[in-house]
C-alpha atoms as a PDB file:
ATOM      1  CA  MET A   1     111.302  76.948  62.351  1.00  0.00           C
ATOM      2  CA  GLY A   2     111.016  79.532  60.461  1.00  0.00           C
ATOM      3  CA  GLN A   3     113.120  77.919  57.383  1.00  0.00           C
ATOM      4  CA  ILE A   4     110.867  74.631  57.693  1.00  0.00           C
ATOM      5  CA  VAL A   5     107.586  77.490  57.144  1.00  0.00           C
ATOM      6  CA  GLU A   6     108.927  79.274  54.811  1.00  0.00           C
ATOM      7  CA  GLU A   7     110.002  76.260  53.009  1.00  0.00           C
ATOM      8  CA  ALA A   8     106.582  74.513  53.053  1.00  0.00           C
ATOM      9  CA  LEU A   9     104.541  77.744  52.190  1.00  0.00           C
ATOM     10  CA  PRO A  10     102.392  76.987  48.484  1.00  0.00           C
ATOM     11  CA  PRO A  11     102.301  80.256  46.176  1.00  0.00           C
ATOM     12  CA  GLU A  12      98.317  80.571  47.385  1.00  0.00           C
ATOM     13  CA  MET A  13      99.806  81.943  50.908  1.00  0.00           C
ATOM     14  CA  LEU A  14     101.637  84.069  49.430  1.00  0.00           C
ATOM     15  CA  SER A  15      99.338  85.853  47.172  1.00  0.00           C
ATOM     16  CA  ALA A  16      97.029  88.669  47.383  1.00  0.00           C
ATOM     17  CA  GLN A  17      94.455  85.884  47.842  1.00  0.00           C
ATOM     18  CA  VAL A  18      95.367  85.921  51.853  1.00  0.00           C
ATOM     19  CA  ALA A  19      96.027  89.884  52.326  1.00  0.00           C
ATOM     20  CA  ARG A  20      92.544  90.365  53.479  1.00  0.00           C
ATOM     21  CA  ASP A  21      93.010  87.685  56.097  1.00  0.00           C
ATOM     22  CA  VAL A  22      96.326  88.781  57.328  1.00  0.00           C
ATOM     23  CA  ARG A  23      95.645  92.710  57.365  1.00  0.00           C
ATOM     24  CA  PRO A  24      95.367  92.549  61.380  1.00  0.00           C
ATOM     25  CA  PHE A  25      98.589  91.317  61.678  1.00  0.00           C
ATOM     26  CA  CYS A  26     100.672  92.716  58.252  1.00  0.00           C
ATOM     27  CA  PRO A  27      98.461  95.370  56.487  1.00  0.00           C
ATOM     28  CA  ARG A  28     101.103  95.694  53.891  1.00  0.00           C
ATOM     29  CA  PHE A  29     101.372  91.921  52.504  1.00  0.00           C
ATOM     30  CA  ASN A  30     100.133  93.148  49.460  1.00  0.00           C
ATOM     31  CA  ALA A  31     102.781  95.640  48.860  1.00  0.00           C
ATOM     32  CA  ILE A  32     106.013  93.647  50.010  1.00  0.00           C
ATOM     33  CA  GLY A  33     108.244  91.183  48.396  1.00  0.00           C
ATOM     34  CA  GLU A  34     108.156  87.641  48.827  1.00  0.00           C
ATOM     35  CA  ALA A  35     110.745  87.159  51.258  1.00  0.00           C
ATOM     36  CA  ASP A  36     108.974  89.496  53.354  1.00  0.00           C
ATOM     37  CA  LYS A  37     105.385  87.400  53.173  1.00  0.00           C
ATOM     38  CA  ARG A  38     107.947  84.349  54.095  1.00  0.00           C
ATOM     39  CA  ALA A  39     109.274  86.126  56.788  1.00  0.00           C
ATOM     40  CA  PHE A  40     105.773  87.098  57.892  1.00  0.00           C
ATOM     41  CA  TRP A  41     104.209  83.527  57.626  1.00  0.00           C
ATOM     42  CA  ALA A  42     107.312  82.143  59.598  1.00  0.00           C
ATOM     43  CA  TYR A  43     106.682  84.770  62.467  1.00  0.00           C
ATOM     44  CA  PHE A  44     102.973  84.135  62.326  1.00  0.00           C
ATOM     45  CA  PHE A  45     103.504  79.892  62.950  1.00  0.00           C
ATOM     46  CA  GLN A  46     106.035  80.877  65.964  1.00  0.00           C
ATOM     47  CA  ALA A  47     103.257  83.055  67.545  1.00  0.00           C
ATOM     48  CA  LEU A  48     100.638  80.020  66.666  1.00  0.00           C
ATOM     49  CA  ALA A  49     103.380  77.656  68.711  1.00  0.00           C
ATOM     50  CA  GLY A  50     103.982  79.548  71.170  1.00  0.00           C
ATOM     51  CA  ALA A  51     100.341  79.815  71.817  1.00  0.00           C
ATOM     52  CA  GLU A  52      99.060  76.576  71.334  1.00  0.00           C
ATOM     53  CA  ALA A  53     102.266  74.802  72.844  1.00  0.00           C
ATOM     54  CA  GLY A  54     104.466  77.364  74.272  1.00  0.00           C
ATOM     55  CA  LEU A  55     106.756  76.511  71.719  1.00  0.00           C
ATOM     56  CA  LYS A  56     107.350  72.812  73.478  1.00  0.00           C
ATOM     57  CA  PRO A  57     107.347  70.039  70.429  1.00  0.00           C
ATOM     58  CA  THR A  58     106.811  67.379  72.947  1.00  0.00           C
ATOM     59  CA  SER A  59     103.846  69.442  74.311  1.00  0.00           C
ATOM     60  CA  GLN A  60     100.288  67.120  74.673  1.00  0.00           C
ATOM     61  CA  VAL A  61      97.296  67.735  75.665  1.00  0.00           C
ATOM     62  CA  ARG A  62      94.297  65.395  76.203  1.00  0.00           C
ATOM     63  CA  HIS A  63      90.835  67.071  75.551  1.00  0.00           C
ATOM     64  CA  THR A  64      88.020  66.870  78.169  1.00  0.00           C
ATOM     65  CA  GLU A  65      85.629  68.626  76.902  1.00  0.00           C
ATOM     66  CA  PRO A  66      82.747  66.669  74.997  1.00  0.00           C
ATOM     67  CA  ALA A  67      82.715  68.899  71.920  1.00  0.00           C
ATOM     68  CA  VAL A  68      86.335  68.036  71.802  1.00  0.00           C
ATOM     69  CA  ALA A  69      87.186  64.510  73.474  1.00  0.00           C
ATOM     70  CA  VAL A  70      86.050  62.750  70.864  1.00  0.00           C
ATOM     71  CA  LYS A  71      87.661  59.588  69.301  1.00  0.00           C
ATOM     72  CA  ASP A  72      90.588  59.650  67.231  1.00  0.00           C
ATOM     73  CA  GLN A  73      89.761  57.670  63.904  1.00  0.00           C
ATOM     74  CA  VAL A  74      93.149  56.644  63.164  1.00  0.00           C
ATOM     75  CA  THR A  75      94.411  55.742  67.268  1.00  0.00           C
ATOM     76  CA  GLY A  76      91.108  54.331  67.936  1.00  0.00           C
ATOM     77  CA  VAL A  77      90.998  56.416  71.040  1.00  0.00           C
ATOM     78  CA  ALA A  78      90.182  59.933  72.560  1.00  0.00           C
ATOM     79  CA  VAL A  79      91.757  62.701  70.740  1.00  0.00           C
ATOM     80  CA  ARG A  80      95.320  63.752  71.945  1.00  0.00           C
ATOM     81  CA  SER A  81      96.527  66.681  70.404  1.00  0.00           C
ATOM     82  CA  ALA A  82     100.232  66.448  70.268  1.00  0.00           C
ATOM     83  CA  GLY A  83     103.412  68.802  69.259  1.00  0.00           C
ATOM     84  CA  LEU A  84     104.234  72.807  68.279  1.00  0.00           C
ATOM     85  CA  LEU A  85     100.662  73.377  66.640  1.00  0.00           C
ATOM     86  CA  GLN A  86      98.863  71.043  68.606  1.00  0.00           C
ATOM     87  CA  LEU A  87      97.310  68.545  65.827  1.00  0.00           C
ATOM     88  CA  THR A  88      96.203  65.056  65.749  1.00  0.00           C
ATOM     89  CA  TYR A  89      96.675  61.477  63.835  1.00  0.00           C
ATOM     90  CA  ASP A  90      93.372  62.043  61.983  1.00  0.00           C
ATOM     91  CA  ASP A  91      94.682  65.339  60.327  1.00  0.00           C
ATOM     92  CA  ALA A  92      97.342  62.677  58.476  1.00  0.00           C
ATOM     93  CA  LYS A  93      94.325  61.315  57.077  1.00  0.00           C
ATOM     94  CA  ARG A  94      92.858  64.511  56.394  1.00  0.00           C
ATOM     95  CA  TYR A  95      95.402  67.258  55.239  1.00  0.00           C
ATOM     96  CA  GLY A  96      97.953  64.672  54.008  1.00  0.00           C
ATOM     97  CA  CYS A  97     100.148  65.414  56.820  1.00  0.00           C
ATOM     98  CA  ASP A  98     103.699  63.020  57.799  1.00  0.00           C
ATOM     99  CA  PHE A  99     102.209  61.576  60.661  1.00  0.00           C
ATOM    100  CA  ASN A 100     102.725  58.079  60.934  1.00  0.00           C
ATOM    101  CA  TRP A 101     100.685  56.547  64.022  1.00  0.00           C
ATOM    102  CA  GLU A 102     101.833  52.505  63.166  1.00  0.00           C
ATOM    103  CA  THR A 103     105.192  53.692  63.770  1.00  0.00           C
ATOM    104  CA  ASP A 104     104.734  56.433  66.645  1.00  0.00           C
ATOM    105  CA  ARG A 105     102.772  53.574  68.766  1.00  0.00           C
ATOM    106  CA  THR A 106     104.998  51.435  69.913  1.00  0.00           C
ATOM    107  CA  LEU A 107     107.025  54.691  71.824  1.00  0.00           C
ATOM    108  CA  LYS A 108     106.467  56.394  74.618  1.00  0.00           C
ATOM    109  CA  ALA A 109     103.870  59.322  74.795  1.00  0.00           C
ATOM    110  CA  ASN A 110     106.986  61.793  75.019  1.00  0.00           C
ATOM    111  CA  ASP A 111     109.296  60.347  72.631  1.00  0.00           C
ATOM    112  CA  PRO A 112     110.824  63.217  70.545  1.00  0.00           C
ATOM    113  CA  ALA A 113     110.810  60.459  67.444  1.00  0.00           C
ATOM    114  CA  LYS A 114     107.267  60.264  67.297  1.00  0.00           C
ATOM    115  CA  THR A 115     106.787  61.651  63.821  1.00  0.00           C
ATOM    116  CA  ILE A 116     103.360  63.879  65.163  1.00  0.00           C
ATOM    117  CA  LEU A 117     106.126  65.486  67.527  1.00  0.00           C
ATOM    118  CA  GLN A 118     108.916  65.829  65.034  1.00  0.00           C
ATOM    119  CA  PRO A 119     108.762  70.044  64.461  1.00  0.00           C
ATOM    120  CA  LYS A 120     109.098  69.706  60.116  1.00  0.00           C
ATOM    121  CA  ASN A 121     106.220  67.166  60.296  1.00  0.00           C
ATOM    122  CA  ASN A 122     104.092  69.580  62.404  1.00  0.00           C
ATOM    123  CA  LEU A 123     104.745  72.450  61.018  1.00  0.00           C
ATOM    124  CA  GLU A 124     104.296  71.607  57.646  1.00  0.00           C
ATOM    125  CA  CYS A 125     100.938  69.833  58.335  1.00  0.00           C
ATOM    126  CA  GLY A 126     100.054  72.876  59.867  1.00  0.00           C
ATOM    127  CA  VAL A 127     100.747  75.155  56.895  1.00  0.00           C
ATOM    128  CA  LYS A 128      98.414  72.580  54.845  1.00  0.00           C
ATOM    129  CA  ILE A 129      95.448  72.821  57.063  1.00  0.00           C
ATOM    130  CA  LEU A 130      95.526  77.173  57.372  1.00  0.00           C
ATOM    131  CA  ASP A 131      95.876  76.734  53.684  1.00  0.00           C
ATOM    132  CA  GLN A 132      93.024  74.764  53.013  1.00  0.00           C
ATOM    133  CA  GLN A 133      90.984  77.042  55.819  1.00  0.00           C
ATOM    134  CA  ILE A 134      91.472  80.177  53.696  1.00  0.00           C
ATOM    135  CA  ILE A 135      92.597  79.107  50.326  1.00  0.00           C
ATOM    136  CA  GLY A 136      90.679  75.699  50.109  1.00  0.00           C
ATOM    137  CA  GLN A 137      87.549  76.497  52.166  1.00  0.00           C
ATOM    138  CA  HIS A 138      87.657  80.466  51.806  1.00  0.00           C
ATOM    139  CA  LYS A 139      87.100  80.873  55.345  1.00  0.00           C
ATOM    140  CA  PRO A 140      88.697  84.080  57.418  1.00  0.00           C
ATOM    141  CA  LEU A 141      92.165  82.918  58.855  1.00  0.00           C
ATOM    142  CA  LEU A 142      90.606  84.591  62.133  1.00  0.00           C
ATOM    143  CA  SER A 143      87.066  82.569  62.476  1.00  0.00           C
ATOM    144  CA  ARG A 144      85.659  80.685  65.037  1.00  0.00           C
ATOM    145  CA  THR A 145      84.975  77.582  62.931  1.00  0.00           C
ATOM    146  CA  GLY A 146      88.873  77.842  62.397  1.00  0.00           C
ATOM    147  CA  TYR A 147      91.080  74.277  62.957  1.00  0.00           C
ATOM    148  CA  TRP A 148      92.499  76.260  66.046  1.00  0.00           C
ATOM    149  CA  SER A 149      90.725  77.327  68.693  1.00  0.00           C
ATOM    150  CA  THR A 150      93.613  80.458  69.528  1.00  0.00           C
ATOM    151  CA  LEU A 151      92.868  81.655  66.097  1.00  0.00           C
ATOM    152  CA  ARG A 152      89.133  82.582  67.086  1.00  0.00           C
ATOM    153  CA  PRO A 153      88.744  85.946  68.453  1.00  0.00           C
ATOM    154  CA  GLY A 154      86.940  86.259  72.102  1.00  0.00           C
ATOM    155  CA  THR A 155      88.720  83.389  73.934  1.00  0.00           C
ATOM    156  CA  VAL A 156      91.407  83.270  76.256  1.00  0.00           C
ATOM    157  CA  SER A 157      93.872  81.411  73.782  1.00  0.00           C
ATOM    158  CA  TYR A 158      93.029  84.496  71.226  1.00  0.00           C
ATOM    159  CA  ARG A 159      94.532  86.877  73.595  1.00  0.00           C
ATOM    160  CA  VAL A 160      97.840  85.007  74.278  1.00  0.00           C
ATOM    161  CA  PHE A 161      98.260  84.684  69.930  1.00  0.00           C
ATOM    162  CA  VAL A 162      97.624  88.180  69.703  1.00  0.00           C
ATOM    163  CA  LYS A 163     100.441  88.725  72.177  1.00  0.00           C
ATOM    164  CA  GLN A 164     102.511  86.210  70.826  1.00  0.00           C
ATOM    165  CA  MET A 165     101.780  88.886  67.194  1.00  0.00           C
ATOM    166  CA  ALA A 166     103.646  91.805  69.244  1.00  0.00           C
ATOM    167  CA  ASN A 167     106.700  92.247  66.787  1.00  0.00           C
ATOM    168  CA  VAL A 168     105.674  91.054  63.603  1.00  0.00           C
ATOM    169  CA  PRO A 169     107.643  92.095  60.578  1.00  0.00           C
ATOM    170  CA  VAL A 170     108.628  95.735  60.039  1.00  0.00           C
ATOM    171  CA  ALA A 171     107.655  95.004  55.953  1.00  0.00           C
ATOM    172  CA  CYS A 172     104.581  94.604  57.773  1.00  0.00           C
ATOM    173  CA  GLY A 173     103.726  98.030  58.102  1.00  0.00           C
ATOM    174  CA  VAL A 174     102.203  97.842  61.800  1.00  0.00           C
ATOM    175  CA  ARG A 175     103.432 100.785  63.867  1.00  0.00           C
ATOM    176  CA  ALA A 176     104.484  99.911  67.538  1.00  0.00           C
ATOM    177  CA  LYS A 177     102.506 101.013  70.333  1.00  0.00           C
ATOM    178  CA  PRO A 178     103.790 103.676  72.678  1.00  0.00           C
ATOM    179  CA  VAL A 179     104.276 101.978  76.065  1.00  0.00           C
ATOM    180  CA  ARG A 180     102.825 104.010  78.672  1.00  0.00           C
ATOM    181  CA  ARG A 181     105.584 105.581  81.817  1.00  0.00           C
ATOM    182  CA  ASP A 182     102.180 104.798  84.345  1.00  0.00           C
ATOM    183  CA  ALA A 183     102.176 101.024  82.789  1.00  0.00           C
ATOM    184  CA  GLU A 184     105.417 100.530  83.408  1.00  0.00           C
ATOM    185  CA  ARG A 185     105.582 101.032  87.275  1.00  0.00           C
END
């Protein structure tokens, strides 16, 4: 998973342009080398996939809330988020992701051969989405209007994500919080 993300990262996501956005998780981002920056993003996307799909590539969710239960313009049915980062076929059109509905529609819903469920396609698409959000749209990484609800502070899924981000690479300069003895009991 990490190597896929590291290879998909555009130069802007390794630049000072993102330092402010990632500061809560990697305070030393601007000061660390490229390899450590790539490792940070690999860890970030692993934490995001953990919070979004429990690291299960075939995970799928059909949303029923009116705000998100919209029609997928590619499939023609209610949006179903899929894969490690819970993406949709609409994302193929919006972000140039490598999902192929014409091929996938003939396969069973949780068939790992589906293009949207293949970790490489899903993760590369996620990198494109995040790049568009923080570089293209100049929107913060943590935003109430960002792509993933998991990256919206104040939500239950955000708290799950933050727990997933507990052990960022050492180069980031985050100090581990001491474990209280009375909390262990």
